[in-house]
């Protein structure tokens, strides 16, 4: 299964010189060398797996939904995957980048995953947006008053409906 982001997405989001330093062993590597570097593809695949595992464990998304994302939701997913891929590349060559920078990228990506997993943030899928809308309906006060329940039939033994329902203030 392909990663949720490509090496072109990674290069578009982060400095190509930094990616070159983290992913390749060659000083004069070109953009094409970086984009076709197997280590970049592996890092993106690992990052995609981490995202997928977290979101599937949260029970909010399926693989099909993640693969079907479009527009801004897809860009958000790519941003998360690229951030995690940068962290994976950093583990390979930590001397090539500032740790604070990579830690910040990693934290942002992991925080985004957790927000998606908990439902604090959602991808723009129709069913996900619909599921996040809470509808609270129930019987009206008139419906409750006109029910033929036990307290109504035995009013000498039970409090009246007016005494049982909370009063609006």
Foldseek 3Di string as FASTA:
>chain_A
DFFLAALVLLVVVDPPQLLCLLQHPDDPDDPVCSRPRVLLRVLLRVLSVVLQVLQVVLVLDDPVRSVPADDPLSNLVNLLSSLSSSLVSCVRPVVSDDPVVSVVSNVVSVVVSVCCSPVVDHRPDPVSVVVVDDDDDDDDLVVVQPDPDDCVVCVVVDPHSVVPDDDDD
